[in-house]
Amino acid sequence: MSTNEKGPAGQECGEACHPAASGVRKSHHSPEFKNGLTARLNRIEGQIRGVKGMIERDTYCDDVLNQLAAVQAALNSVGKLLLEGHMKSCIVERIEAGEHEVIDELLVTVGKLMK
């Protein structure tokens, strides 16, 4: 895949998945993918503000806990979307380039997501 070519999840990949001259790796997602993630994160941000308000209003604990569970589920959904795109583009490309250490990197990341 060449730079700026779209990967299977719709994001652009290529050199973006690999360290640049500065050593910083970047992902290049399509505008649609970014907009979708941003919209989800904006909703989550609103949910968190709502939970904060519930606590300030002394809302019944079970109701607050249910809202926290909804926030966590929404965050997990964003994580799954990013993980899918990462695996279908950056990970595949790096393995094909012989960079098998990316598997260990991925395992560490998945371990963090599953905590």
PDB file of N, CA and C in Angstrom:
ATOM      1  N   MET A   1       0.841  -1.171   0.000  1.00  0.00           N
ATOM      2  CA  MET A   1       0.000   0.000   0.000  1.00  0.00           C
ATOM      3  C   MET A   1       0.886   1.233   0.000  1.00  0.00           C
ATOM      4  N   SER A   2       0.603   2.204  -0.791  1.00  0.00           N
ATOM      5  CA  SER A   2       1.400   3.414  -0.822  1.00  0.00           C
ATOM      6  C   SER A   2       0.828   4.423   0.152  1.00  0.00           C
ATOM      7  N   THR A   3       1.619   5.438   0.464  1.00  0.00           N
ATOM      8  CA  THR A   3       1.155   6.489   1.361  1.00  0.00           C
ATOM      9  C   THR A   3      -0.130   7.091   0.809  1.00  0.00           C
ATOM     10  N   ASN A   4      -1.069   7.377   1.683  1.00  0.00           N
ATOM     11  CA  ASN A   4      -2.359   7.976   1.380  1.00  0.00           C
ATOM     12  C   ASN A   4      -3.324   7.019   0.706  1.00  0.00           C
ATOM     13  N   GLU A   5      -2.970   5.759   0.528  1.00  0.00           N
ATOM     14  CA  GLU A   5      -3.915   4.780   0.023  1.00  0.00           C
ATOM     15  C   GLU A   5      -4.812   4.376   1.178  1.00  0.00           C
ATOM     16  N   LYS A   6      -6.089   4.180   0.903  1.00  0.00           N
ATOM     17  CA  LYS A   6      -7.015   3.837   1.974  1.00  0.00           C
ATOM     18  C   LYS A   6      -6.937   2.368   2.308  1.00  0.00           C
ATOM     19  N   GLY A   7      -6.868   2.082   3.608  1.00  0.00           N
ATOM     20  CA  GLY A   7      -6.849   0.710   4.083  1.00  0.00           C
ATOM     21  C   GLY A   7      -8.255   0.153   4.160  1.00  0.00           C
ATOM     22  N   PRO A   8      -8.398  -1.120   4.612  1.00  0.00           N
ATOM     23  CA  PRO A   8      -9.698  -1.781   4.655  1.00  0.00           C
ATOM     24  C   PRO A   8     -10.723  -1.086   5.547  1.00  0.00           C
ATOM     25  N   ALA A   9     -10.284  -0.391   6.564  1.00  0.00           N
ATOM     26  CA  ALA A   9     -11.232   0.265   7.457  1.00  0.00           C
ATOM     27  C   ALA A   9     -11.535   1.691   6.997  1.00  0.00           C
ATOM     28  N   GLY A  10     -11.045   2.079   5.815  1.00  0.00           N
ATOM     29  CA  GLY A  10     -11.359   3.387   5.268  1.00  0.00           C
ATOM     30  C   GLY A  10     -10.363   4.472   5.643  1.00  0.00           C
ATOM     31  N   GLN A  11      -9.391   4.153   6.446  1.00  0.00           N
ATOM     32  CA  GLN A  11      -8.413   5.167   6.802  1.00  0.00           C
ATOM     33  C   GLN A  11      -7.206   5.057   5.886  1.00  0.00           C
ATOM     34  N   GLU A  12      -6.527   6.169   5.731  1.00  0.00           N
ATOM     35  CA  GLU A  12      -5.334   6.154   4.907  1.00  0.00           C
ATOM     36  C   GLU A  12      -4.196   5.572   5.719  1.00  0.00           C
ATOM     37  N   CYS A  13      -3.348   4.862   5.054  1.00  0.00           N
ATOM     38  CA  CYS A  13      -2.245   4.216   5.741  1.00  0.00           C
ATOM     39  C   CYS A  13      -1.006   4.342   4.876  1.00  0.00           C
ATOM     40  N   GLY A  14      -0.078   3.475   5.063  1.00  0.00           N
ATOM     41  CA  GLY A  14       1.172   3.509   4.319  1.00  0.00           C
ATOM     42  C   GLY A  14       2.283   3.921   5.245  1.00  0.00           C
ATOM     43  N   GLU A  15       3.085   4.876   4.825  1.00  0.00           N
ATOM     44  CA  GLU A  15       4.182   5.341   5.668  1.00  0.00           C
ATOM     45  C   GLU A  15       3.667   5.899   6.985  1.00  0.00           C
ATOM     46  N   ALA A  16       2.391   6.286   7.012  1.00  0.00           N
ATOM     47  CA  ALA A  16       1.815   6.865   8.215  1.00  0.00           C
ATOM     48  C   ALA A  16       1.860   5.904   9.389  1.00  0.00           C
ATOM     49  N   CYS A  17       1.891   4.618   9.136  1.00  0.00           N
ATOM     50  CA  CYS A  17       1.909   3.620  10.204  1.00  0.00           C
ATOM     51  C   CYS A  17       3.318   3.372  10.725  1.00  0.00           C
ATOM     52  N   HIS A  18       4.283   3.931  10.084  1.00  0.00           N
ATOM     53  CA  HIS A  18       5.677   3.674  10.412  1.00  0.00           C
ATOM     54  C   HIS A  18       6.340   4.940  10.923  1.00  0.00           C
ATOM     55  N   PRO A  19       7.421   4.801  11.654  1.00  0.00           N
ATOM     56  CA  PRO A  19       8.100   5.994  12.146  1.00  0.00           C
ATOM     57  C   PRO A  19       8.534   6.894  10.991  1.00  0.00           C
ATOM     58  N   ALA A  20       8.258   8.154  11.129  1.00  0.00           N
ATOM     59  CA  ALA A  20       8.719   9.133  10.151  1.00  0.00           C
ATOM     60  C   ALA A  20      10.160   9.501  10.495  1.00  0.00           C
ATOM     61  N   ALA A  21      10.702  10.422   9.769  1.00  0.00           N
ATOM     62  CA  ALA A  21      12.081  10.840  10.018  1.00  0.00           C
ATOM     63  C   ALA A  21      12.247  11.297  11.467  1.00  0.00           C
ATOM     64  N   SER A  22      11.208  11.886  12.029  1.00  0.00           N
ATOM     65  CA  SER A  22      11.274  12.357  13.407  1.00  0.00           C
ATOM     66  C   SER A  22      11.095  11.227  14.411  1.00  0.00           C
ATOM     67  N   GLY A  23      10.750  10.021  13.940  1.00  0.00           N
ATOM     68  CA  GLY A  23      10.543   8.884  14.827  1.00  0.00           C
ATOM     69  C   GLY A  23       9.135   8.791  15.378  1.00  0.00           C
ATOM     70  N   VAL A  24       8.255   9.696  14.972  1.00  0.00           N
ATOM     71  CA  VAL A  24       6.882   9.711  15.467  1.00  0.00           C
ATOM     72  C   VAL A  24       5.991   9.016  14.445  1.00  0.00           C
ATOM     73  N   ARG A  25       5.269   7.987  14.897  1.00  0.00           N
ATOM     74  CA  ARG A  25       4.331   7.294  14.008  1.00  0.00           C
ATOM     75  C   ARG A  25       2.999   8.005  14.052  1.00  0.00           C
ATOM     76  N   LYS A  26       2.337   8.053  12.928  1.00  0.00           N
ATOM     77  CA  LYS A  26       1.023   8.681  12.845  1.00  0.00           C
ATOM     78  C   LYS A  26       0.110   7.804  12.017  1.00  0.00           C
ATOM     79  N   SER A  27      -1.175   7.881  12.316  1.00  0.00           N
ATOM     80  CA  SER A  27      -2.188   7.235  11.488  1.00  0.00           C
ATOM     81  C   SER A  27      -2.870   8.320  10.685  1.00  0.00           C
ATOM     82  N   HIS A  28      -3.255   7.996   9.498  1.00  0.00           N
ATOM     83  CA  HIS A  28      -3.985   8.939   8.661  1.00  0.00           C
ATOM     84  C   HIS A  28      -5.336   8.322   8.355  1.00  0.00           C
ATOM     85  N   HIS A  29      -6.335   8.748   9.111  1.00  0.00           N
ATOM     86  CA  HIS A  29      -7.685   8.236   8.928  1.00  0.00           C
ATOM     87  C   HIS A  29      -8.422   9.112   7.925  1.00  0.00           C
ATOM     88  N   SER A  30      -9.383   8.514   7.260  1.00  0.00           N
ATOM     89  CA  SER A  30     -10.201   9.285   6.324  1.00  0.00           C
ATOM     90  C   SER A  30     -10.997  10.317   7.119  1.00  0.00           C
ATOM     91  N   PRO A  31     -11.388  11.398   6.466  1.00  0.00           N
ATOM     92  CA  PRO A  31     -12.206  12.402   7.160  1.00  0.00           C
ATOM     93  C   PRO A  31     -13.491  11.803   7.732  1.00  0.00           C
ATOM     94  N   GLU A  32     -14.100  10.859   7.011  1.00  0.00           N
ATOM     95  CA  GLU A  32     -15.344  10.243   7.492  1.00  0.00           C
ATOM     96  C   GLU A  32     -15.100   9.460   8.776  1.00  0.00           C
ATOM     97  N   PHE A  33     -13.987   8.710   8.804  1.00  0.00           N
ATOM     98  CA  PHE A  33     -13.647   7.920   9.990  1.00  0.00           C
ATOM     99  C   PHE A  33     -13.396   8.841  11.180  1.00  0.00           C
ATOM    100  N   LYS A  34     -12.615   9.900  10.958  1.00  0.00           N
ATOM    101  CA  LYS A  34     -12.331  10.868  12.027  1.00  0.00           C
ATOM    102  C   LYS A  34     -13.607  11.542  12.517  1.00  0.00           C
ATOM    103  N   ASN A  35     -14.454  11.932  11.573  1.00  0.00           N
ATOM    104  CA  ASN A  35     -15.705  12.599  11.963  1.00  0.00           C
ATOM    105  C   ASN A  35     -16.589  11.673  12.795  1.00  0.00           C
ATOM    106  N   GLY A  36     -16.639  10.400  12.416  1.00  0.00           N
ATOM    107  CA  GLY A  36     -17.426   9.437  13.180  1.00  0.00           C
ATOM    108  C   GLY A  36     -16.900   9.256  14.593  1.00  0.00           C
ATOM    109  N   LEU A  37     -15.584   9.122  14.716  1.00  0.00           N
ATOM    110  CA  LEU A  37     -14.982   8.979  16.049  1.00  0.00           C
ATOM    111  C   LEU A  37     -15.177  10.244  16.877  1.00  0.00           C
ATOM    112  N   THR A  38     -15.001  11.387  16.239  1.00  0.00           N
ATOM    113  CA  THR A  38     -15.171  12.658  16.953  1.00  0.00           C
ATOM    114  C   THR A  38     -16.597  12.811  17.452  1.00  0.00           C
ATOM    115  N   ALA A  39     -17.567  12.438  16.625  1.00  0.00           N
ATOM    116  CA  ALA A  39     -18.974  12.527  17.043  1.00  0.00           C
ATOM    117  C   ALA A  39     -19.231  11.608  18.239  1.00  0.00           C
ATOM    118  N   ARG A  40     -18.692  10.399  18.188  1.00  0.00           N
ATOM    119  CA  ARG A  40     -18.861   9.472  19.314  1.00  0.00           C
ATOM    120  C   ARG A  40     -18.216  10.039  20.584  1.00  0.00           C
ATOM    121  N   LEU A  41     -17.008  10.569  20.440  1.00  0.00           N
ATOM    122  CA  LEU A  41     -16.316  11.128  21.607  1.00  0.00           C
ATOM    123  C   LEU A  41     -17.025  12.355  22.157  1.00  0.00           C
ATOM    124  N   ASN A  42     -17.631  13.160  21.282  1.00  0.00           N
ATOM    125  CA  ASN A  42     -18.409  14.308  21.753  1.00  0.00           C
ATOM    126  C   ASN A  42     -19.615  13.852  22.570  1.00  0.00           C
ATOM    127  N   ARG A  43     -20.273  12.767  22.115  1.00  0.00           N
ATOM    128  CA  ARG A  43     -21.401  12.232  22.883  1.00  0.00           C
ATOM    129  C   ARG A  43     -20.934  11.711  24.238  1.00  0.00           C
ATOM    130  N   ILE A  44     -19.781  11.030  24.237  1.00  0.00           N
ATOM    131  CA  ILE A  44     -19.237  10.508  25.494  1.00  0.00           C
ATOM    132  C   ILE A  44     -18.897  11.656  26.439  1.00  0.00           C
ATOM    133  N   GLU A  45     -18.334  12.704  25.879  1.00  0.00           N
ATOM    134  CA  GLU A  45     -18.011  13.885  26.690  1.00  0.00           C
ATOM    135  C   GLU A  45     -19.277  14.437  27.341  1.00  0.00           C
ATOM    136  N   GLY A  46     -20.366  14.482  26.585  1.00  0.00           N
ATOM    137  CA  GLY A  46     -21.641  14.938  27.131  1.00  0.00           C
ATOM    138  C   GLY A  46     -22.159  14.001  28.209  1.00  0.00           C
ATOM    139  N   GLN A  47     -21.990  12.700  27.992  1.00  0.00           N
ATOM    140  CA  GLN A  47     -22.415  11.731  29.005  1.00  0.00           C
ATOM    141  C   GLN A  47     -21.627  11.940  30.305  1.00  0.00           C
ATOM    142  N   ILE A  48     -20.352  12.188  30.190  1.00  0.00           N
ATOM    143  CA  ILE A  48     -19.521  12.381  31.382  1.00  0.00           C
ATOM    144  C   ILE A  48     -19.950  13.644  32.129  1.00  0.00           C
ATOM    145  N   ARG A  49     -20.236  14.705  31.389  1.00  0.00           N
ATOM    146  CA  ARG A  49     -20.745  15.918  32.044  1.00  0.00           C
ATOM    147  C   ARG A  49     -22.064  15.621  32.748  1.00  0.00           C
ATOM    148  N   GLY A  50     -22.900  14.782  32.111  1.00  0.00           N
ATOM    149  CA  GLY A  50     -24.166  14.400  32.738  1.00  0.00           C
ATOM    150  C   GLY A  50     -23.953  13.619  34.025  1.00  0.00           C
ATOM    151  N   VAL A  51     -22.993  12.719  34.042  1.00  0.00           N
ATOM    152  CA  VAL A  51     -22.684  11.947  35.250  1.00  0.00           C
ATOM    153  C   VAL A  51     -22.191  12.879  36.340  1.00  0.00           C
ATOM    154  N   LYS A  52     -21.331  13.820  35.981  1.00  0.00           N
ATOM    155  CA  LYS A  52     -20.835  14.791  36.957  1.00  0.00           C
ATOM    156  C   LYS A  52     -22.008  15.563  37.571  1.00  0.00           C
ATOM    157  N   GLY A  53     -22.962  15.967  36.727  1.00  0.00           N
ATOM    158  CA  GLY A  53     -24.138  16.673  37.220  1.00  0.00           C
ATOM    159  C   GLY A  53     -24.978  15.800  38.135  1.00  0.00           C
ATOM    160  N   MET A  54     -25.076  14.512  37.799  1.00  0.00           N
ATOM    161  CA  MET A  54     -25.841  13.590  38.647  1.00  0.00           C
ATOM    162  C   MET A  54     -25.212  13.506  40.037  1.00  0.00           C
ATOM    163  N   ILE A  55     -23.901  13.445  40.079  1.00  0.00           N
ATOM    164  CA  ILE A  55     -23.212  13.366  41.376  1.00  0.00           C
ATOM    165  C   ILE A  55     -23.414  14.662  42.151  1.00  0.00           C
ATOM    166  N   GLU A  56     -23.318  15.791  41.468  1.00  0.00           N
ATOM    167  CA  GLU A  56     -23.519  17.086  42.134  1.00  0.00           C
ATOM    168  C   GLU A  56     -24.934  17.218  42.682  1.00  0.00           C
ATOM    169  N   ARG A  57     -25.912  16.566  42.028  1.00  0.00           N
ATOM    170  CA  ARG A  57     -27.315  16.628  42.466  1.00  0.00           C
ATOM    171  C   ARG A  57     -27.678  15.498  43.431  1.00  0.00           C
ATOM    172  N   ASP A  58     -26.665  14.738  43.861  1.00  0.00           N
ATOM    173  CA  ASP A  58     -26.892  13.615  44.776  1.00  0.00           C
ATOM    174  C   ASP A  58     -27.872  12.587  44.213  1.00  0.00           C
ATOM    175  N   THR A  59     -27.760  12.313  42.940  1.00  0.00           N
ATOM    176  CA  THR A  59     -28.605  11.308  42.288  1.00  0.00           C
ATOM    177  C   THR A  59     -28.309   9.942  42.898  1.00  0.00           C
ATOM    178  N   TYR A  60     -29.319   9.117  42.969  1.00  0.00           N
ATOM    179  CA  TYR A  60     -29.207   7.770  43.534  1.00  0.00           C
ATOM    180  C   TYR A  60     -28.031   7.034  42.874  1.00  0.00           C
ATOM    181  N   CYS A  61     -27.202   6.426  43.706  1.00  0.00           N
ATOM    182  CA  CYS A  61     -25.944   5.805  43.252  1.00  0.00           C
ATOM    183  C   CYS A  61     -26.142   4.805  42.123  1.00  0.00           C
ATOM    184  N   ASP A  62     -27.181   3.981  42.198  1.00  0.00           N
ATOM    185  CA  ASP A  62     -27.397   2.977  41.166  1.00  0.00           C
ATOM    186  C   ASP A  62     -27.623   3.633  39.802  1.00  0.00           C
ATOM    187  N   ASP A  63     -28.325   4.755  39.794  1.00  0.00           N
ATOM    188  CA  ASP A  63     -28.558   5.472  38.541  1.00  0.00           C
ATOM    189  C   ASP A  63     -27.247   6.014  37.966  1.00  0.00           C
ATOM    190  N   VAL A  64     -26.383   6.532  38.826  1.00  0.00           N
ATOM    191  CA  VAL A  64     -25.077   7.042  38.392  1.00  0.00           C
ATOM    192  C   VAL A  64     -24.229   5.890  37.851  1.00  0.00           C
ATOM    193  N   LEU A  65     -24.235   4.773  38.567  1.00  0.00           N
ATOM    194  CA  LEU A  65     -23.449   3.609  38.138  1.00  0.00           C
ATOM    195  C   LEU A  65     -23.917   3.095  36.774  1.00  0.00           C
ATOM    196  N   ASN A  66     -25.220   3.112  36.533  1.00  0.00           N
ATOM    197  CA  ASN A  66     -25.737   2.700  35.228  1.00  0.00           C
ATOM    198  C   ASN A  66     -25.266   3.638  34.119  1.00  0.00           C
ATOM    199  N   GLN A  67     -25.214   4.928  34.420  1.00  0.00           N
ATOM    200  CA  GLN A  67     -24.709   5.882  33.422  1.00  0.00           C
ATOM    201  C   GLN A  67     -23.213   5.682  33.185  1.00  0.00           C
ATOM    202  N   LEU A  68     -22.473   5.377  34.240  1.00  0.00           N
ATOM    203  CA  LEU A  68     -21.039   5.088  34.082  1.00  0.00           C
ATOM    204  C   LEU A  68     -20.822   3.850  33.216  1.00  0.00           C
ATOM    205  N   ALA A  69     -21.666   2.852  33.380  1.00  0.00           N
ATOM    206  CA  ALA A  69     -21.577   1.651  32.546  1.00  0.00           C
ATOM    207  C   ALA A  69     -21.831   2.002  31.082  1.00  0.00           C
ATOM    208  N   ALA A  70     -22.759   2.895  30.831  1.00  0.00           N
ATOM    209  CA  ALA A  70     -23.045   3.321  29.456  1.00  0.00           C
ATOM    210  C   ALA A  70     -21.857   4.075  28.858  1.00  0.00           C
ATOM    211  N   VAL A  71     -21.215   4.916  29.665  1.00  0.00           N
ATOM    212  CA  VAL A  71     -20.029   5.648  29.214  1.00  0.00           C
ATOM    213  C   VAL A  71     -18.913   4.663  28.881  1.00  0.00           C
ATOM    214  N   GLN A  72     -18.704   3.686  29.751  1.00  0.00           N
ATOM    215  CA  GLN A  72     -17.650   2.698  29.514  1.00  0.00           C
ATOM    216  C   GLN A  72     -17.924   1.897  28.237  1.00  0.00           C
ATOM    217  N   ALA A  73     -19.166   1.535  28.019  1.00  0.00           N
ATOM    218  CA  ALA A  73     -19.518   0.795  26.804  1.00  0.00           C
ATOM    219  C   ALA A  73     -19.261   1.643  25.563  1.00  0.00           C
ATOM    220  N   ALA A  74     -19.565   2.926  25.646  1.00  0.00           N
ATOM    221  CA  ALA A  74     -19.334   3.823  24.509  1.00  0.00           C
ATOM    222  C   ALA A  74     -17.833   3.973  24.236  1.00  0.00           C
ATOM    223  N   LEU A  75     -17.032   4.090  25.282  1.00  0.00           N
ATOM    224  CA  LEU A  75     -15.575   4.164  25.115  1.00  0.00           C
ATOM    225  C   LEU A  75     -15.029   2.872  24.522  1.00  0.00           C
ATOM    226  N   ASN A  76     -15.542   1.746  24.989  1.00  0.00           N
ATOM    227  CA  ASN A  76     -15.111   0.459  24.438  1.00  0.00           C
ATOM    228  C   ASN A  76     -15.432   0.371  22.952  1.00  0.00           C
ATOM    229  N   SER A  77     -16.559   0.917  22.548  1.00  0.00           N
ATOM    230  CA  SER A  77     -16.946   0.906  21.144  1.00  0.00           C
ATOM    231  C   SER A  77     -15.956   1.707  20.292  1.00  0.00           C
ATOM    232  N   VAL A  78     -15.540   2.858  20.779  1.00  0.00           N
ATOM    233  CA  VAL A  78     -14.549   3.662  20.073  1.00  0.00           C
ATOM    234  C   VAL A  78     -13.230   2.889  19.984  1.00  0.00           C
ATOM    235  N   GLY A  79     -12.849   2.260  21.089  1.00  0.00           N
ATOM    236  CA  GLY A  79     -11.618   1.472  21.099  1.00  0.00           C
ATOM    237  C   GLY A  79     -11.668   0.333  20.099  1.00  0.00           C
ATOM    238  N   LYS A  80     -12.801  -0.335  19.998  1.00  0.00           N
ATOM    239  CA  LYS A  80     -12.936  -1.449  19.044  1.00  0.00           C
ATOM    240  C   LYS A  80     -12.803  -0.969  17.604  1.00  0.00           C
ATOM    241  N   LEU A  81     -13.405   0.171  17.303  1.00  0.00           N
ATOM    242  CA  LEU A  81     -13.297   0.709  15.948  1.00  0.00           C
ATOM    243  C   LEU A  81     -11.849   1.043  15.600  1.00  0.00           C
ATOM    244  N   LEU A  82     -11.159   1.687  16.532  1.00  0.00           N
ATOM    245  CA  LEU A  82      -9.758   2.028  16.287  1.00  0.00           C
ATOM    246  C   LEU A  82      -8.895   0.778  16.173  1.00  0.00           C
ATOM    247  N   LEU A  83      -9.140  -0.186  17.025  1.00  0.00           N
ATOM    248  CA  LEU A  83      -8.371  -1.427  16.994  1.00  0.00           C
ATOM    249  C   LEU A  83      -8.585  -2.158  15.672  1.00  0.00           C
ATOM    250  N   GLU A  84      -9.818  -2.222  15.216  1.00  0.00           N
ATOM    251  CA  GLU A  84     -10.103  -2.891  13.949  1.00  0.00           C
ATOM    252  C   GLU A  84      -9.354  -2.232  12.799  1.00  0.00           C
ATOM    253  N   GLY A  85      -9.425  -0.924  12.726  1.00  0.00           N
ATOM    254  CA  GLY A  85      -8.722  -0.204  11.668  1.00  0.00           C
ATOM    255  C   GLY A  85      -7.222  -0.398  11.752  1.00  0.00           C
ATOM    256  N   HIS A  86      -6.695  -0.376  12.960  1.00  0.00           N
ATOM    257  CA  HIS A  86      -5.259  -0.553  13.177  1.00  0.00           C
ATOM    258  C   HIS A  86      -4.814  -1.944  12.722  1.00  0.00           C
ATOM    259  N   MET A  87      -5.590  -2.947  13.090  1.00  0.00           N
ATOM    260  CA  MET A  87      -5.227  -4.317  12.723  1.00  0.00           C
ATOM    261  C   MET A  87      -5.326  -4.544  11.213  1.00  0.00           C
ATOM    262  N   LYS A  88      -6.345  -3.989  10.583  1.00  0.00           N
ATOM    263  CA  LYS A  88      -6.564  -4.217   9.155  1.00  0.00           C
ATOM    264  C   LYS A  88      -5.612  -3.412   8.275  1.00  0.00           C
ATOM    265  N   SER A  89      -4.975  -2.413   8.834  1.00  0.00           N
ATOM    266  CA  SER A  89      -4.090  -1.599   8.007  1.00  0.00           C
ATOM    267  C   SER A  89      -2.661  -1.638   8.536  1.00  0.00           C
ATOM    268  N   CYS A  90      -2.401  -0.924   9.587  1.00  0.00           N
ATOM    269  CA  CYS A  90      -1.032  -0.773  10.092  1.00  0.00           C
ATOM    270  C   CYS A  90      -0.396  -2.103  10.468  1.00  0.00           C
ATOM    271  N   ILE A  91      -1.103  -2.930  11.201  1.00  0.00           N
ATOM    272  CA  ILE A  91      -0.527  -4.200  11.661  1.00  0.00           C
ATOM    273  C   ILE A  91      -0.218  -5.111  10.479  1.00  0.00           C
ATOM    274  N   VAL A  92      -1.185  -5.272   9.581  1.00  0.00           N
ATOM    275  CA  VAL A  92      -0.974  -6.127   8.408  1.00  0.00           C
ATOM    276  C   VAL A  92       0.218  -5.617   7.598  1.00  0.00           C
ATOM    277  N   GLU A  93       0.245  -4.327   7.378  1.00  0.00           N
ATOM    278  CA  GLU A  93       1.318  -3.748   6.573  1.00  0.00           C
ATOM    279  C   GLU A  93       2.688  -3.947   7.222  1.00  0.00           C
ATOM    280  N   ARG A  94       2.770  -3.763   8.517  1.00  0.00           N
ATOM    281  CA  ARG A  94       4.064  -3.918   9.192  1.00  0.00           C
ATOM    282  C   ARG A  94       4.511  -5.379   9.215  1.00  0.00           C
ATOM    283  N   ILE A  95       3.565  -6.304   9.361  1.00  0.00           N
ATOM    284  CA  ILE A  95       3.924  -7.733   9.309  1.00  0.00           C
ATOM    285  C   ILE A  95       4.433  -8.077   7.910  1.00  0.00           C
ATOM    286  N   GLU A  96       3.729  -7.585   6.900  1.00  0.00           N
ATOM    287  CA  GLU A  96       4.161  -7.838   5.526  1.00  0.00           C
ATOM    288  C   GLU A  96       5.552  -7.259   5.257  1.00  0.00           C
ATOM    289  N   ALA A  97       5.902  -6.193   5.978  1.00  0.00           N
ATOM    290  CA  ALA A  97       7.223  -5.574   5.823  1.00  0.00           C
ATOM    291  C   ALA A  97       8.276  -6.287   6.680  1.00  0.00           C
ATOM    292  N   GLY A  98       7.863  -7.350   7.370  1.00  0.00           N
ATOM    293  CA  GLY A  98       8.804  -8.122   8.174  1.00  0.00           C
ATOM    294  C   GLY A  98       8.991  -7.609   9.593  1.00  0.00           C
ATOM    295  N   GLU A  99       8.180  -6.665  10.010  1.00  0.00           N
ATOM    296  CA  GLU A  99       8.286  -6.082  11.350  1.00  0.00           C
ATOM    297  C   GLU A  99       7.405  -6.876  12.322  1.00  0.00           C
ATOM    298  N   HIS A 100       7.816  -8.085  12.640  1.00  0.00           N
ATOM    299  CA  HIS A 100       6.999  -8.976  13.462  1.00  0.00           C
ATOM    300  C   HIS A 100       6.898  -8.541  14.924  1.00  0.00           C
ATOM    301  N   GLU A 101       7.763  -7.625  15.365  1.00  0.00           N
ATOM    302  CA  GLU A 101       7.668  -7.123  16.732  1.00  0.00           C
ATOM    303  C   GLU A 101       6.363  -6.357  16.962  1.00  0.00           C
ATOM    304  N   VAL A 102       5.691  -5.973  15.875  1.00  0.00           N
ATOM    305  CA  VAL A 102       4.423  -5.275  15.999  1.00  0.00           C
ATOM    306  C   VAL A 102       3.376  -6.158  16.682  1.00  0.00           C
ATOM    307  N   ILE A 103       3.532  -7.463  16.593  1.00  0.00           N
ATOM    308  CA  ILE A 103       2.587  -8.380  17.250  1.00  0.00           C
ATOM    309  C   ILE A 103       2.664  -8.209  18.763  1.00  0.00           C
ATOM    310  N   ASP A 104       3.879  -8.118  19.293  1.00  0.00           N
ATOM    311  CA  ASP A 104       4.034  -7.900  20.739  1.00  0.00           C
ATOM    312  C   ASP A 104       3.452  -6.552  21.143  1.00  0.00           C
ATOM    313  N   GLU A 105       3.667  -5.542  20.314  1.00  0.00           N
ATOM    314  CA  GLU A 105       3.098  -4.214  20.580  1.00  0.00           C
ATOM    315  C   GLU A 105       1.579  -4.296  20.636  1.00  0.00           C
ATOM    316  N   LEU A 106       0.995  -5.012  19.679  1.00  0.00           N
ATOM    317  CA  LEU A 106      -0.457  -5.168  19.625  1.00  0.00           C
ATOM    318  C   LEU A 106      -0.981  -5.914  20.850  1.00  0.00           C
ATOM    319  N   LEU A 107      -0.278  -6.963  21.268  1.00  0.00           N
ATOM    320  CA  LEU A 107      -0.707  -7.731  22.445  1.00  0.00           C
ATOM    321  C   LEU A 107      -0.713  -6.868  23.707  1.00  0.00           C
ATOM    322  N   VAL A 108       0.278  -6.017  23.852  1.00  0.00           N
ATOM    323  CA  VAL A 108       0.320  -5.103  25.003  1.00  0.00           C
ATOM    324  C   VAL A 108      -0.878  -4.166  24.957  1.00  0.00           C
ATOM    325  N   THR A 109      -1.146  -3.615  23.773  1.00  0.00           N
ATOM    326  CA  THR A 109      -2.271  -2.694  23.626  1.00  0.00           C
ATOM    327  C   THR A 109      -3.609  -3.372  23.910  1.00  0.00           C
ATOM    328  N   VAL A 110      -3.802  -4.577  23.376  1.00  0.00           N
ATOM    329  CA  VAL A 110      -5.057  -5.303  23.620  1.00  0.00           C
ATOM    330  C   VAL A 110      -5.186  -5.605  25.114  1.00  0.00           C
ATOM    331  N   GLY A 111      -4.072  -5.948  25.753  1.00  0.00           N
ATOM    332  CA  GLY A 111      -4.095  -6.190  27.207  1.00  0.00           C
ATOM    333  C   GLY A 111      -4.574  -4.954  27.969  1.00  0.00           C
ATOM    334  N   LYS A 112      -4.135  -3.785  27.546  1.00  0.00           N
ATOM    335  CA  LYS A 112      -4.574  -2.539  28.206  1.00  0.00           C
ATOM    336  C   LYS A 112      -6.054  -2.291  27.968  1.00  0.00           C
ATOM    337  N   LEU A 113      -6.527  -2.585  26.760  1.00  0.00           N
ATOM    338  CA  LEU A 113      -7.947  -2.357  26.445  1.00  0.00           C
ATOM    339  C   LEU A 113      -8.854  -3.311  27.225  1.00  0.00           C
ATOM    340  N   MET A 114      -8.342  -4.476  27.582  1.00  0.00           N
ATOM    341  CA  MET A 114      -9.172  -5.479  28.241  1.00  0.00           C
ATOM    342  C   MET A 114      -9.167  -5.365  29.759  1.00  0.00           C
ATOM    343  N   LYS A 115      -8.483  -4.409  30.317  1.00  0.00           N
ATOM    344  CA  LYS A 115      -8.456  -4.250  31.782  1.00  0.00           C
ATOM    345  C   LYS A 115      -9.798  -3.823  32.305  1.00  0.00           C
TER     346      LYS A 115
END
